[in-house]
Amino acid sequence: MQGVVDGFATILLVIAAGALVAHLRVVDEGGQRVLSRVAFTVASPALMVVVLADADVSRLFTGYVAAIAAAVLVTTTTYACLARWVFRRDLAGGVVGVLCTGYVNAGNLGLPVAAYVLGDAALMAPVLLLQMLVLQPLALALLDRAAAERRPSVLRLLTTPLRNPITVGALVGLALNLTGLRLPVALGAPLGLVADMAVPTMLLAFGVSLRLGPLPGRGTSAPELAVITVLKTLVQPGVALLVAGPVLGLAPGDVLAAAVISALPAAQNIFVVAARYDAGPGPGGALLTARDAISTTTLVSVPVMVGLAALLG
């Protein structure tokens, strides 16, 4: 349990630091946008190269990953239908909401949870790969389409992920992994320094937004926020548990991994992506939906993960 406590304590303290510097007027809304852009275009791609270069690609298609993928499919499809016919979201708002229900905090929180609760940090590697090489490129392609002044061509839509810096970083890291190549120290050392600032930059930008924007829960409709929170923190781990256990009959350790990883909260970089595309910054917009969903799922997921670890561990 210490890994969960330490992971959340780290997140909350850095977010609090961002809120503090905003309160002291060290950083304003313009500074928050700069932080978000630096994280999106510079630091996050470097982080992907560093993380994926050492990921265990051979575990990408193991049973617990199939259970996690099934849970993501159920929750994202459910929200997408509700966003279209109930909440009446536009394309950008729907995509951000889908990410909030299915894109887990696999990096700065998932890795310590995997290491200290599940006993193997490598368990998070295939989740990072699936999110960065499948879910996020699809989401970014749709967001690019939503932001375009005219309908993009098929070629442009298909090549959109290749023009995204985070996806390019993921592909470079995967290429290094598969070929066994290693960057020379002259490149690897500065890349590591830049990668190290990705998570704190995202969290600081998020904290600044918490202080300067409306309070969490006031920027998103309560019913929609409740639906996102339930889907992310209860339905997703529930489906993963069902698929990993009764359906696939996996070993207890894999069932625990599928359930706990699926219970992770929505990732902070969803907020960075929404800010990058300026996806509805006003009240009721996708940017505040991302912020509120990250806050609420982060709080709710703590007792859920502790309960799952106690029940299945």
Protein backbone atom coordinates (compact mmCIF):
# COMPACT_ATOMS: atom_id res chain seq x y z
CA MET A 1 0.00 0.00 0.00
CA GLN A 2 2.95 2.33 0.54
CA GLY A 3 3.44 2.68 -3.21
CA VAL A 4 -0.12 3.98 -3.63
CA VAL A 5 0.31 6.43 -0.74
CA ASP A 6 3.69 7.65 -1.98
CA GLY A 7 2.46 8.01 -5.56
CA PHE A 8 -0.57 10.06 -4.63
CA ALA A 9 1.37 12.14 -2.11
CA THR A 10 3.86 13.08 -4.81
CA ILE A 11 1.12 14.07 -7.25
CA LEU A 12 -0.83 16.13 -4.74
CA LEU A 13 2.23 17.99 -3.45
CA VAL A 14 3.37 19.03 -6.93
CA ILE A 15 -0.18 20.08 -7.85
CA ALA A 16 -0.30 22.08 -4.62
CA ALA A 17 2.97 23.77 -5.60
CA GLY A 18 1.42 24.80 -8.91
CA ALA A 19 -1.62 26.22 -7.13
CA LEU A 20 0.68 28.09 -4.73
CA VAL A 21 2.76 29.79 -7.43
CA ALA A 22 -0.48 30.81 -9.15
CA HIS A 23 -1.85 32.19 -5.89
CA LEU A 24 1.37 34.17 -5.36
CA ARG A 25 1.05 35.48 -8.94
CA VAL A 26 4.35 33.94 -9.98
CA VAL A 27 2.55 32.20 -12.86
CA ASP A 28 -0.56 33.51 -14.63
CA GLU A 29 -2.83 31.93 -17.25
CA GLY A 30 -0.29 32.71 -19.98
CA GLY A 31 2.39 30.92 -17.98
CA GLN A 32 0.08 27.94 -17.53
CA ARG A 33 -0.33 27.67 -21.30
CA VAL A 34 3.44 27.83 -21.76
CA LEU A 35 3.94 25.05 -19.21
CA SER A 36 1.36 22.90 -20.99
CA ARG A 37 2.96 23.47 -24.40
CA VAL A 38 6.46 22.69 -23.15
CA ALA A 39 5.18 19.49 -21.58
CA PHE A 40 3.34 18.48 -24.76
CA THR A 41 5.96 19.33 -27.38
CA VAL A 42 9.29 18.84 -25.57
CA ALA A 43 9.25 17.01 -22.25
CA SER A 44 6.62 14.33 -22.91
CA PRO A 45 8.19 13.10 -26.18
CA ALA A 46 11.54 12.80 -24.37
CA LEU A 47 9.83 10.84 -21.59
CA MET A 48 8.35 8.44 -24.13
CA VAL A 49 11.74 7.76 -25.67
CA VAL A 50 13.28 7.04 -22.26
CA VAL A 51 10.41 4.86 -20.95
CA LEU A 52 9.67 2.84 -24.08
CA ALA A 53 13.33 2.21 -24.90
CA ASP A 54 13.47 -0.10 -21.86
CA ALA A 55 9.88 -1.45 -21.91
CA ASP A 56 9.22 -5.20 -22.07
CA VAL A 57 7.55 -5.41 -25.48
CA SER A 58 7.17 -9.20 -25.22
CA ARG A 59 4.44 -8.73 -22.58
CA LEU A 60 2.23 -6.62 -24.83
CA PHE A 61 -0.21 -9.45 -25.64
CA THR A 62 -0.37 -11.31 -22.33
CA GLY A 63 -3.69 -12.13 -20.69
CA TYR A 64 -3.92 -9.33 -18.15
CA VAL A 65 -3.36 -6.77 -20.93
CA ALA A 66 -6.30 -8.25 -22.84
CA ALA A 67 -8.48 -7.79 -19.76
CA ILE A 68 -7.35 -4.16 -19.41
CA ALA A 69 -8.01 -3.51 -23.11
CA ALA A 70 -11.51 -5.02 -22.84
CA ALA A 71 -12.29 -2.78 -19.86
CA VAL A 72 -11.08 0.30 -21.74
CA LEU A 73 -13.24 -0.65 -24.73
CA VAL A 74 -16.36 -0.99 -22.56
CA THR A 75 -15.94 2.30 -20.69
CA THR A 76 -14.89 4.42 -23.66
CA THR A 77 -17.68 3.08 -25.87
CA THR A 78 -20.23 3.69 -23.13
CA TYR A 79 -19.13 7.29 -22.65
CA ALA A 80 -18.90 7.93 -26.40
CA CYS A 81 -22.56 6.91 -26.79
CA LEU A 82 -23.62 9.09 -23.86
CA ALA A 83 -21.56 12.02 -25.13
CA ARG A 84 -23.23 11.79 -28.53
CA TRP A 85 -26.86 11.29 -27.54
CA VAL A 86 -27.18 12.48 -23.91
CA PHE A 87 -24.55 15.14 -23.16
CA ARG A 88 -24.52 16.44 -26.77
CA ARG A 89 -20.77 16.92 -26.86
CA ASP A 90 -18.97 18.10 -29.98
CA LEU A 91 -16.14 16.00 -31.41
CA ALA A 92 -13.37 17.60 -29.31
CA GLY A 93 -15.39 17.40 -26.10
CA GLY A 94 -16.33 13.80 -26.76
CA VAL A 95 -12.73 12.77 -27.44
CA VAL A 96 -11.45 14.41 -24.24
CA GLY A 97 -14.24 12.72 -22.26
CA VAL A 98 -13.38 9.35 -23.80
CA LEU A 99 -9.77 9.82 -22.73
CA CYS A 100 -10.93 10.64 -19.20
CA THR A 101 -12.82 7.34 -18.99
CA GLY A 102 -10.16 5.09 -20.50
CA TYR A 103 -6.68 6.65 -20.36
CA VAL A 104 -5.02 5.69 -17.07
CA ASN A 105 -2.22 7.45 -15.21
CA ALA A 106 0.32 4.82 -16.22
CA GLY A 107 3.45 6.94 -15.74
CA ASN A 108 4.06 8.87 -12.56
CA LEU A 109 1.43 6.93 -10.56
CA GLY A 110 1.15 3.66 -12.44
CA LEU A 111 4.84 2.82 -12.25
CA PRO A 112 5.13 3.08 -8.43
CA VAL A 113 1.86 1.17 -8.01
CA ALA A 114 3.14 -1.59 -10.29
CA ALA A 115 6.48 -1.71 -8.46
CA TYR A 116 5.28 -1.57 -4.85
CA VAL A 117 1.75 -3.00 -4.96
CA LEU A 118 2.02 -5.50 -7.83
CA GLY A 119 5.70 -6.26 -7.32
CA ASP A 120 6.88 -5.64 -10.90
CA ALA A 121 7.19 -2.24 -12.57
CA ALA A 122 7.41 -3.96 -15.97
CA LEU A 123 3.69 -4.74 -15.72
CA MET A 124 3.00 -1.12 -16.68
CA ALA A 125 5.08 -1.19 -19.88
CA PRO A 126 2.46 -2.78 -22.18
CA VAL A 127 -0.18 -0.36 -20.88
CA LEU A 128 2.08 2.56 -21.77
CA LEU A 129 2.58 1.07 -25.23
CA LEU A 130 -1.12 0.52 -25.83
CA GLN A 131 -2.01 4.01 -24.72
CA MET A 132 0.75 5.81 -26.55
CA LEU A 133 0.65 3.80 -29.79
CA VAL A 134 -3.09 3.08 -30.10
CA LEU A 135 -5.42 5.14 -27.92
CA GLN A 136 -3.62 8.47 -27.93
CA PRO A 137 -2.77 8.60 -31.67
CA LEU A 138 -6.42 7.91 -32.49
CA ALA A 139 -7.56 10.60 -30.07
CA LEU A 140 -5.06 13.15 -31.41
CA ALA A 141 -6.08 12.42 -34.99
CA LEU A 142 -9.71 13.13 -34.11
CA LEU A 143 -8.76 16.29 -32.22
CA ASP A 144 -6.76 17.49 -35.21
CA ARG A 145 -9.80 16.86 -37.37
CA ALA A 146 -12.02 18.78 -34.94
CA ALA A 147 -9.59 21.72 -34.93
CA ALA A 148 -9.27 21.87 -38.71
CA GLU A 149 -11.13 24.63 -40.51
CA ARG A 150 -12.11 22.20 -43.23
CA ARG A 151 -12.48 18.43 -43.42
CA PRO A 152 -8.96 16.93 -43.65
CA SER A 153 -8.00 14.55 -46.41
CA VAL A 154 -7.70 10.83 -45.73
CA LEU A 155 -3.91 11.03 -46.14
CA ARG A 156 -3.65 13.88 -43.65
CA LEU A 157 -5.85 12.04 -41.16
CA LEU A 158 -3.79 8.85 -41.45
CA THR A 159 -0.50 10.70 -41.03
CA THR A 160 -1.67 12.90 -38.14
CA PRO A 161 -0.08 10.69 -35.44
CA LEU A 162 3.28 11.00 -37.21
CA ARG A 163 3.12 14.79 -36.88
CA ASN A 164 2.44 14.61 -33.15
CA PRO A 165 5.59 14.99 -31.00
CA ILE A 166 4.46 12.58 -28.29
CA THR A 167 3.66 9.84 -30.79
CA VAL A 168 6.98 10.39 -32.56
CA GLY A 169 8.77 10.07 -29.23
CA ALA A 170 6.91 6.82 -28.54
CA LEU A 171 7.85 5.41 -31.94
CA VAL A 172 11.51 6.35 -31.46
CA GLY A 173 11.56 4.67 -28.05
CA LEU A 174 9.92 1.55 -29.47
CA ALA A 175 12.42 1.46 -32.35
CA LEU A 176 15.33 1.65 -29.90
CA ASN A 177 13.75 -1.15 -27.88
CA LEU A 178 13.22 -3.49 -30.82
CA THR A 179 16.64 -2.89 -32.37
CA GLY A 180 18.55 -3.03 -29.10
CA LEU A 181 20.25 0.26 -29.91
CA ARG A 182 21.21 2.70 -27.16
CA LEU A 183 21.65 6.43 -27.49
CA PRO A 184 25.18 7.73 -26.88
CA VAL A 185 25.68 9.44 -23.54
CA ALA A 186 25.99 12.80 -25.26
CA LEU A 187 22.35 12.43 -26.37
CA GLY A 188 20.94 10.17 -23.68
CA ALA A 189 21.96 12.33 -20.71
CA PRO A 190 20.29 15.58 -21.86
CA LEU A 191 17.29 13.60 -23.11
CA GLY A 192 16.92 12.11 -19.65
CA LEU A 193 17.07 15.56 -18.06
CA VAL A 194 14.31 16.84 -20.35
CA ALA A 195 12.24 13.69 -19.75
CA ASP A 196 12.49 14.18 -15.99
CA MET A 197 10.67 17.49 -16.23
CA ALA A 198 7.64 16.09 -18.10
CA VAL A 199 5.59 14.92 -15.13
CA PRO A 200 6.30 17.87 -12.80
CA THR A 201 5.61 20.32 -15.64
CA MET A 202 2.24 18.71 -16.33
CA LEU A 203 1.35 18.67 -12.64
CA LEU A 204 2.41 22.28 -12.10
CA ALA A 205 0.29 23.39 -15.06
CA PHE A 206 -2.62 21.44 -13.62
CA GLY A 207 -2.17 23.07 -10.20
CA VAL A 208 -2.07 26.54 -11.77
CA SER A 209 -5.35 25.77 -13.51
CA LEU A 210 -6.94 24.65 -10.25
CA ARG A 211 -6.12 28.00 -8.65
CA LEU A 212 -6.93 30.30 -11.55
CA GLY A 213 -9.97 28.50 -12.92
CA PRO A 214 -13.31 27.70 -11.29
CA LEU A 215 -13.26 25.17 -8.48
CA PRO A 216 -13.31 21.50 -9.57
CA GLY A 217 -16.85 20.42 -10.24
CA ARG A 218 -18.01 23.90 -11.23
CA GLY A 219 -16.69 23.73 -14.77
CA THR A 220 -18.45 20.49 -15.71
CA SER A 221 -22.05 19.38 -15.36
CA ALA A 222 -22.47 17.22 -12.25
CA PRO A 223 -24.19 14.32 -14.08
CA GLU A 224 -21.46 14.11 -16.73
CA LEU A 225 -18.67 14.29 -14.14
CA ALA A 226 -20.39 11.58 -12.09
CA VAL A 227 -20.69 9.33 -15.15
CA ILE A 228 -17.01 9.79 -16.04
CA THR A 229 -15.93 9.10 -12.45
CA VAL A 230 -18.04 5.95 -12.12
CA LEU A 231 -16.92 4.61 -15.49
CA LYS A 232 -13.24 5.24 -14.78
CA THR A 233 -12.93 4.18 -11.14
CA LEU A 234 -15.62 1.48 -10.78
CA VAL A 235 -16.76 0.12 -14.13
CA GLN A 236 -13.32 -0.15 -15.73
CA PRO A 237 -11.69 -2.15 -12.89
CA GLY A 238 -14.91 -4.17 -12.51
CA VAL A 239 -14.87 -5.22 -16.16
CA ALA A 240 -11.15 -5.99 -16.02
CA LEU A 241 -11.70 -8.15 -12.93
CA LEU A 242 -14.53 -10.02 -14.62
CA VAL A 243 -12.62 -10.64 -17.84
CA ALA A 244 -9.34 -11.58 -16.14
CA GLY A 245 -10.99 -13.90 -13.61
CA PRO A 246 -14.16 -15.76 -14.67
CA VAL A 247 -13.75 -15.22 -18.44
CA LEU A 248 -10.03 -15.83 -19.03
CA GLY A 249 -9.24 -17.72 -15.82
CA LEU A 250 -5.91 -15.98 -15.30
CA ALA A 251 -3.60 -16.54 -12.35
CA PRO A 252 -4.39 -14.52 -9.20
CA GLY A 253 -1.41 -12.22 -9.77
CA ASP A 254 -2.58 -11.33 -13.28
CA VAL A 255 -6.15 -10.76 -12.06
CA LEU A 256 -4.83 -8.37 -9.41
CA ALA A 257 -2.68 -6.56 -11.99
CA ALA A 258 -5.58 -6.12 -14.42
CA ALA A 259 -7.93 -4.80 -11.74
CA VAL A 260 -5.51 -2.43 -9.99
CA ILE A 261 -4.08 -0.99 -13.22
CA SER A 262 -7.60 -0.41 -14.54
CA ALA A 263 -8.50 1.42 -11.32
CA LEU A 264 -5.78 4.02 -11.84
CA PRO A 265 -7.20 7.54 -12.26
CA ALA A 266 -7.35 9.54 -15.45
CA ALA A 267 -3.90 10.71 -16.55
CA GLN A 268 -2.73 14.30 -16.12
CA ASN A 269 -1.59 14.54 -19.71
CA ILE A 270 -5.24 14.49 -20.81
CA PHE A 271 -5.38 18.02 -19.42
CA VAL A 272 -2.23 18.92 -21.37
CA VAL A 273 -3.73 17.53 -24.58
CA ALA A 274 -6.98 19.44 -24.03
CA ALA A 275 -5.03 22.65 -23.36
CA ARG A 276 -2.89 22.10 -26.44
CA TYR A 277 -5.97 21.90 -28.65
CA ASP A 278 -7.78 24.62 -26.69
CA ALA A 279 -10.71 22.20 -26.48
CA GLY A 280 -13.46 24.28 -24.92
CA PRO A 281 -11.65 26.35 -22.24
CA GLY A 282 -14.82 27.97 -20.86
CA PRO A 283 -17.32 26.59 -18.32
CA GLY A 284 -18.75 23.34 -19.58
CA GLY A 285 -15.86 22.97 -22.04
CA ALA A 286 -13.64 19.95 -22.54
CA LEU A 287 -10.63 21.57 -20.85
CA LEU A 288 -12.46 21.94 -17.53
CA THR A 289 -14.00 18.50 -17.99
CA ALA A 290 -10.49 17.07 -18.18
CA ARG A 291 -9.38 19.00 -15.10
CA ASP A 292 -12.42 18.02 -13.04
CA ALA A 293 -12.30 14.38 -14.14
CA ILE A 294 -8.62 14.08 -13.22
CA SER A 295 -9.28 15.57 -9.78
CA THR A 296 -12.28 13.43 -8.93
CA THR A 297 -10.93 10.15 -10.31
CA THR A 298 -7.64 10.72 -8.49
CA LEU A 299 -9.48 11.07 -5.18
CA VAL A 300 -11.92 8.20 -5.74
CA SER A 301 -9.34 5.76 -7.10
CA VAL A 302 -7.32 5.70 -3.86
CA PRO A 303 -9.83 3.69 -1.78
CA VAL A 304 -10.73 1.61 -4.84
CA MET A 305 -7.13 0.50 -5.43
CA VAL A 306 -6.54 -0.11 -1.72
CA GLY A 307 -9.72 -2.20 -1.58
CA LEU A 308 -8.78 -4.23 -4.64
CA ALA A 309 -5.27 -4.88 -3.32
CA ALA A 310 -6.68 -5.97 0.05
CA LEU A 311 -9.35 -8.17 -1.56
CA LEU A 312 -7.26 -9.83 -4.26
CA GLY A 313 -3.76 -9.62 -2.79
